[in-house]
PDB file of N, CA and C in Angstrom:
ATOM      1  N   MET A   1     110.652  83.300  95.095  1.00  0.00           N
ATOM      2  CA  MET A   1     111.323  84.053  96.134  1.00  0.00           C
ATOM      3  C   MET A   1     111.051  83.368  97.472  1.00  0.00           C
ATOM      4  N   LYS A   2     112.098  83.213  98.243  1.00  0.00           N
ATOM      5  CA  LYS A   2     111.987  82.504  99.512  1.00  0.00           C
ATOM      6  C   LYS A   2     111.540  83.443 100.628  1.00  0.00           C
ATOM      7  N   SER A   3     110.997  82.855 101.672  1.00  0.00           N
ATOM      8  CA  SER A   3     110.529  83.628 102.821  1.00  0.00           C
ATOM      9  C   SER A   3     111.665  84.388 103.484  1.00  0.00           C
ATOM     10  N   THR A   4     112.848  83.796 103.498  1.00  0.00           N
ATOM     11  CA  THR A   4     113.987  84.473 104.118  1.00  0.00           C
ATOM     12  C   THR A   4     114.371  85.729 103.350  1.00  0.00           C
ATOM     13  N   GLU A   5     114.196  85.711 102.044  1.00  0.00           N
ATOM     14  CA  GLU A   5     114.483  86.894 101.234  1.00  0.00           C
ATOM     15  C   GLU A   5     113.437  87.975 101.469  1.00  0.00           C
ATOM     16  N   LEU A   6     112.199  87.562 101.689  1.00  0.00           N
ATOM     17  CA  LEU A   6     111.115  88.522 101.907  1.00  0.00           C
ATOM     18  C   LEU A   6     111.247  89.218 103.249  1.00  0.00           C
ATOM     19  N   ARG A   7     111.856  88.548 104.196  1.00  0.00           N
ATOM     20  CA  ARG A   7     111.994  89.084 105.544  1.00  0.00           C
ATOM     21  C   ARG A   7     112.790  90.390 105.553  1.00  0.00           C
ATOM     22  N   ASP A   8     113.726  90.517 104.622  1.00  0.00           N
ATOM     23  CA  ASP A   8     114.606  91.682 104.586  1.00  0.00           C
ATOM     24  C   ASP A   8     114.019  92.870 103.824  1.00  0.00           C
ATOM     25  N   LEU A   9     112.888  92.687 103.155  1.00  0.00           N
ATOM     26  CA  LEU A   9     112.305  93.759 102.349  1.00  0.00           C
ATOM     27  C   LEU A   9     111.402  94.659 103.183  1.00  0.00           C
ATOM     28  N   SER A  10     111.333  95.926 102.794  1.00  0.00           N
ATOM     29  CA  SER A  10     110.442  96.870 103.466  1.00  0.00           C
ATOM     30  C   SER A  10     109.026  96.707 102.909  1.00  0.00           C
ATOM     31  N   VAL A  11     108.080  97.406 103.514  1.00  0.00           N
ATOM     32  CA  VAL A  11     106.685  97.323 103.066  1.00  0.00           C
ATOM     33  C   VAL A  11     106.558  97.832 101.635  1.00  0.00           C
ATOM     34  N   ALA A  12     107.222  98.938 101.335  1.00  0.00           N
ATOM     35  CA  ALA A  12     107.152  99.498  99.980  1.00  0.00           C
ATOM     36  C   ALA A  12     107.735  98.526  98.953  1.00  0.00           C
ATOM     37  N   GLU A  13     108.814  97.871  99.310  1.00  0.00           N
ATOM     38  CA  GLU A  13     109.420  96.892  98.405  1.00  0.00           C
ATOM     39  C   GLU A  13     108.517  95.679  98.232  1.00  0.00           C
ATOM     40  N   LEU A  14     107.839  95.280  99.296  1.00  0.00           N
ATOM     41  CA  LEU A  14     106.906  94.153  99.203  1.00  0.00           C
ATOM     42  C   LEU A  14     105.724  94.489  98.302  1.00  0.00           C
ATOM     43  N   VAL A  15     105.226  95.714  98.407  1.00  0.00           N
ATOM     44  CA  VAL A  15     104.111  96.139  97.550  1.00  0.00           C
ATOM     45  C   VAL A  15     104.546  96.121  96.087  1.00  0.00           C
ATOM     46  N   ALA A  16     105.745  96.622  95.818  1.00  0.00           N
ATOM     47  CA  ALA A  16     106.261  96.624  94.448  1.00  0.00           C
ATOM     48  C   ALA A  16     106.445  95.199  93.935  1.00  0.00           C
ATOM     49  N   LYS A  17     106.968  94.330  94.785  1.00  0.00           N
ATOM     50  CA  LYS A  17     107.181  92.933  94.406  1.00  0.00           C
ATOM     51  C   LYS A  17     105.843  92.232  94.161  1.00  0.00           C
ATOM     52  N   GLU A  18     104.832  92.566  94.974  1.00  0.00           N
ATOM     53  CA  GLU A  18     103.498  91.983  94.797  1.00  0.00           C
ATOM     54  C   GLU A  18     102.932  92.357  93.432  1.00  0.00           C
ATOM     55  N   LYS A  19     103.057  93.617  93.079  1.00  0.00           N
ATOM     56  CA  LYS A  19     102.543  94.078  91.788  1.00  0.00           C
ATOM     57  C   LYS A  19     103.287  93.399  90.642  1.00  0.00           C
ATOM     58  N   GLU A  20     104.591  93.294  90.782  1.00  0.00           N
ATOM     59  CA  GLU A  20     105.417  92.657  89.754  1.00  0.00           C
ATOM     60  C   GLU A  20     105.024  91.193  89.564  1.00  0.00           C
ATOM     61  N   MET A  21     104.848  90.474  90.667  1.00  0.00           N
ATOM     62  CA  MET A  21     104.489  89.056  90.582  1.00  0.00           C
ATOM     63  C   MET A  21     103.081  88.861  90.026  1.00  0.00           C
ATOM     64  N   ALA A  22     102.158  89.757  90.373  1.00  0.00           N
ATOM     65  CA  ALA A  22     100.796  89.654  89.851  1.00  0.00           C
ATOM     66  C   ALA A  22     100.797  89.841  88.334  1.00  0.00           C
ATOM     67  N   GLU A  23     101.585  90.794  87.854  1.00  0.00           N
ATOM     68  CA  GLU A  23     101.684  91.010  86.408  1.00  0.00           C
ATOM     69  C   GLU A  23     102.327  89.811  85.716  1.00  0.00           C
ATOM     70  N   GLU A  24     103.349  89.261  86.342  1.00  0.00           N
ATOM     71  CA  GLU A  24     104.030  88.098  85.780  1.00  0.00           C
ATOM     72  C   GLU A  24     103.086  86.898  85.719  1.00  0.00           C
ATOM     73  N   LEU A  25     102.302  86.696  86.767  1.00  0.00           N
ATOM     74  CA  LEU A  25     101.347  85.590  86.798  1.00  0.00           C
ATOM     75  C   LEU A  25     100.284  85.765  85.715  1.00  0.00           C
ATOM     76  N   PHE A  26      99.813  86.986  85.539  1.00  0.00           N
ATOM     77  CA  PHE A  26      98.824  87.267  84.500  1.00  0.00           C
ATOM     78  C   PHE A  26      99.393  86.923  83.125  1.00  0.00           C
ATOM     79  N   THR A  27     100.624  87.334  82.882  1.00  0.00           N
ATOM     80  CA  THR A  27     101.268  87.060  81.597  1.00  0.00           C
ATOM     81  C   THR A  27     101.427  85.560  81.378  1.00  0.00           C
ATOM     82  N   MET A  28     101.803  84.850  82.435  1.00  0.00           N
ATOM     83  CA  MET A  28     101.960  83.395  82.324  1.00  0.00           C
ATOM     84  C   MET A  28     100.637  82.726  81.980  1.00  0.00           C
ATOM     85  N   LYS A  29      99.573  83.147  82.638  1.00  0.00           N
ATOM     86  CA  LYS A  29      98.260  82.551  82.368  1.00  0.00           C
ATOM     87  C   LYS A  29      97.821  82.830  80.937  1.00  0.00           C
ATOM     88  N   LEU A  30      98.098  84.029  80.468  1.00  0.00           N
ATOM     89  CA  LEU A  30      97.746  84.398  79.102  1.00  0.00           C
ATOM     90  C   LEU A  30      98.528  83.543  78.103  1.00  0.00           C
ATOM     91  N   ARG A  31      99.817  83.417  78.330  1.00  0.00           N
ATOM     92  CA  ARG A  31     100.651  82.607  77.442  1.00  0.00           C
ATOM     93  C   ARG A  31     100.256  81.133  77.498  1.00  0.00           C
ATOM     94  N   HIS A  32      99.841  80.662  78.676  1.00  0.00           N
ATOM     95  CA  HIS A  32      99.408  79.270  78.815  1.00  0.00           C
ATOM     96  C   HIS A  32      98.145  79.027  77.991  1.00  0.00           C
ATOM     97  N   GLY A  33      97.247  79.987  77.995  1.00  0.00           N
ATOM     98  CA  GLY A  33      96.022  79.863  77.216  1.00  0.00           C
ATOM     99  C   GLY A  33      96.281  79.831  75.722  1.00  0.00           C
ATOM    100  N   LEU A  34      97.363  80.460  75.307  1.00  0.00           N
ATOM    101  CA  LEU A  34      97.728  80.482  73.890  1.00  0.00           C
ATOM    102  C   LEU A  34      98.717  79.373  73.529  1.00  0.00           C
ATOM    103  N   ASN A  35      98.954  78.469  74.473  1.00  0.00           N
ATOM    104  CA  ASN A  35      99.892  77.347  74.299  1.00  0.00           C
ATOM    105  C   ASN A  35     101.302  77.814  73.958  1.00  0.00           C
ATOM    106  N   GLN A  36     101.732  78.904  74.561  1.00  0.00           N
ATOM    107  CA  GLN A  36     103.078  79.414  74.325  1.00  0.00           C
ATOM    108  C   GLN A  36     103.960  79.294  75.566  1.00  0.00           C
ATOM    109  N   LEU A  37     103.430  78.720  76.622  1.00  0.00           N
ATOM    110  CA  LEU A  37     104.192  78.591  77.862  1.00  0.00           C
ATOM    111  C   LEU A  37     104.913  77.246  77.863  1.00  0.00           C
ATOM    112  N   ASN A  38     106.227  77.286  78.015  1.00  0.00           N
ATOM    113  CA  ASN A  38     107.019  76.051  77.969  1.00  0.00           C
ATOM    114  C   ASN A  38     106.792  75.170  79.187  1.00  0.00           C
ATOM    115  N   ASN A  39     106.694  75.780  80.368  1.00  0.00           N
ATOM    116  CA  ASN A  39     106.572  75.012  81.602  1.00  0.00           C
ATOM    117  C   ASN A  39     105.324  75.464  82.366  1.00  0.00           C
ATOM    118  N   PRO A  40     104.217  74.735  82.253  1.00  0.00           N
ATOM    119  CA  PRO A  40     102.990  75.127  82.945  1.00  0.00           C
ATOM    120  C   PRO A  40     103.119  75.130  84.469  1.00  0.00           C
ATOM    121  N   LEU A  41     104.083  74.387  85.006  1.00  0.00           N
ATOM    122  CA  LEU A  41     104.267  74.367  86.458  1.00  0.00           C
ATOM    123  C   LEU A  41     104.822  75.688  86.981  1.00  0.00           C
ATOM    124  N   SER A  42     105.339  76.513  86.092  1.00  0.00           N
ATOM    125  CA  SER A  42     105.834  77.823  86.520  1.00  0.00           C
ATOM    126  C   SER A  42     104.682  78.698  87.015  1.00  0.00           C
ATOM    127  N   ILE A  43     103.464  78.429  86.539  1.00  0.00           N
ATOM    128  CA  ILE A  43     102.290  79.164  87.024  1.00  0.00           C
ATOM    129  C   ILE A  43     102.084  78.857  88.504  1.00  0.00           C
ATOM    130  N   ARG A  44     102.213  77.598  88.881  1.00  0.00           N
ATOM    131  CA  ARG A  44     102.042  77.208  90.278  1.00  0.00           C
ATOM    132  C   ARG A  44     103.096  77.879  91.155  1.00  0.00           C
ATOM    133  N   LYS A  45     104.330  77.878  90.688  1.00  0.00           N
ATOM    134  CA  LYS A  45     105.414  78.501  91.455  1.00  0.00           C
ATOM    135  C   LYS A  45     105.173  79.998  91.629  1.00  0.00           C
ATOM    136  N   ALA A  46     104.734  80.653  90.569  1.00  0.00           N
ATOM    137  CA  ALA A  46     104.473  82.093  90.637  1.00  0.00           C
ATOM    138  C   ALA A  46     103.297  82.388  91.567  1.00  0.00           C
ATOM    139  N   ARG A  47     102.271  81.554  91.505  1.00  0.00           N
ATOM    140  CA  ARG A  47     101.099  81.752  92.363  1.00  0.00           C
ATOM    141  C   ARG A  47     101.471  81.600  93.834  1.00  0.00           C
ATOM    142  N   ARG A  48     102.298  80.625  94.128  1.00  0.00           N
ATOM    143  CA  ARG A  48     102.721  80.409  95.515  1.00  0.00           C
ATOM    144  C   ARG A  48     103.665  81.505  95.990  1.00  0.00           C
ATOM    145  N   ALA A  49     104.513  81.987  95.107  1.00  0.00           N
ATOM    146  CA  ALA A  49     105.408  83.094  95.465  1.00  0.00           C
ATOM    147  C   ALA A  49     104.591  84.346  95.764  1.00  0.00           C
ATOM    148  N   LEU A  50     103.557  84.592  94.966  1.00  0.00           N
ATOM    149  CA  LEU A  50     102.683  85.739  95.199  1.00  0.00           C
ATOM    150  C   LEU A  50     101.967  85.594  96.539  1.00  0.00           C
ATOM    151  N   ALA A  51     101.540  84.394  96.874  1.00  0.00           N
ATOM    152  CA  ALA A  51     100.880  84.161  98.164  1.00  0.00           C
ATOM    153  C   ALA A  51     101.837  84.413  99.325  1.00  0.00           C
ATOM    154  N   ARG A  52     103.097  83.996  99.173  1.00  0.00           N
ATOM    155  CA  ARG A  52     104.094  84.261 100.219  1.00  0.00           C
ATOM    156  C   ARG A  52     104.300  85.758 100.413  1.00  0.00           C
ATOM    157  N   ILE A  53     104.358  86.488  99.312  1.00  0.00           N
ATOM    158  CA  ILE A  53     104.549  87.937  99.385  1.00  0.00           C
ATOM    159  C   ILE A  53     103.357  88.586 100.080  1.00  0.00           C
ATOM    160  N   LYS A  54     102.147  88.185  99.704  1.00  0.00           N
ATOM    161  CA  LYS A  54     100.946  88.765 100.313  1.00  0.00           C
ATOM    162  C   LYS A  54     100.867  88.446 101.803  1.00  0.00           C
ATOM    163  N   THR A  55     101.271  87.247 102.176  1.00  0.00           N
ATOM    164  CA  THR A  55     101.258  86.863 103.588  1.00  0.00           C
ATOM    165  C   THR A  55     102.231  87.712 104.384  1.00  0.00           C
ATOM    166  N   LYS A  56     103.446  87.864 103.878  1.00  0.00           N
ATOM    167  CA  LYS A  56     104.459  88.657 104.574  1.00  0.00           C
ATOM    168  C   LYS A  56     104.034  90.124 104.644  1.00  0.00           C
ATOM    169  N   LEU A  57     103.395  90.621 103.598  1.00  0.00           N
ATOM    170  CA  LEU A  57     102.912  92.004 103.581  1.00  0.00           C
ATOM    171  C   LEU A  57     101.821  92.203 104.628  1.00  0.00           C
ATOM    172  N   ALA A  58     100.920  91.247 104.760  1.00  0.00           N
ATOM    173  CA  ALA A  58      99.865  91.336 105.771  1.00  0.00           C
ATOM    174  C   ALA A  58     100.457  91.303 107.176  1.00  0.00           C
ATOM    175  N   GLU A  59     101.475  90.475 107.383  1.00  0.00           N
ATOM    176  CA  GLU A  59     102.142  90.424 108.694  1.00  0.00           C
ATOM    177  C   GLU A  59     102.773  91.763 109.033  1.00  0.00           C
ATOM    178  N   ARG A  60     103.445  92.351 108.065  1.00  0.00           N
ATOM    179  CA  ARG A  60     104.094  93.650 108.295  1.00  0.00           C
ATOM    180  C   ARG A  60     103.075  94.735 108.614  1.00  0.00           C
ATOM    181  N   ARG A  61     101.971  94.727 107.890  1.00  0.00           N
ATOM    182  CA  ARG A  61     100.940  95.749 108.127  1.00  0.00           C
ATOM    183  C   ARG A  61     100.315  95.574 109.505  1.00  0.00           C
ATOM    184  N   ARG A  62     100.139  94.327 109.941  1.00  0.00           N
ATOM    185  CA  ARG A  62      99.622  94.079 111.283  1.00  0.00           C
ATOM    186  C   ARG A  62     100.593  94.572 112.341  1.00  0.00           C
ATOM    187  N   GLU A  63     101.884  94.354 112.121  1.00  0.00           N
ATOM    188  CA  GLU A  63     102.902  94.815 113.062  1.00  0.00           C
ATOM    189  C   GLU A  63     102.908  96.336 113.164  1.00  0.00           C
ATOM    190  N   GLN A  64     102.738  97.013 112.043  1.00  0.00           N
ATOM    191  CA  GLN A  64     102.736  98.474 112.035  1.00  0.00           C
ATOM    192  C   GLN A  64     101.493  99.033 112.716  1.00  0.00           C
ATOM    193  N   ALA A  65     100.393  98.295 112.656  1.00  0.00           N
ATOM    194  CA  ALA A  65      99.147  98.763 113.261  1.00  0.00           C
ATOM    195  C   ALA A  65      99.230  98.744 114.783  1.00  0.00           C
ATOM    196  N   LEU A  66     100.081  97.897 115.319  1.00  0.00           N
ATOM    197  CA  LEU A  66     100.210  97.796 116.777  1.00  0.00           C
ATOM    198  C   LEU A  66     101.083  98.856 117.262  1.00  0.00           C
TER     199      LEU A  66
END
């Protein structure tokens, strides 16, 4: 998910997306350990997408605190 797409989401949607991506990353890591993951680089992409979501969520929460 791109940063421009995250910009349009609300805080509640970002929290839901964060949870979804964390679950997806967990599943990918589990499948990778069992040698069932076709593309191991998808773990890197998911991890970075989760980091983008967490960063945008932290920015939004800081804005709301002010």
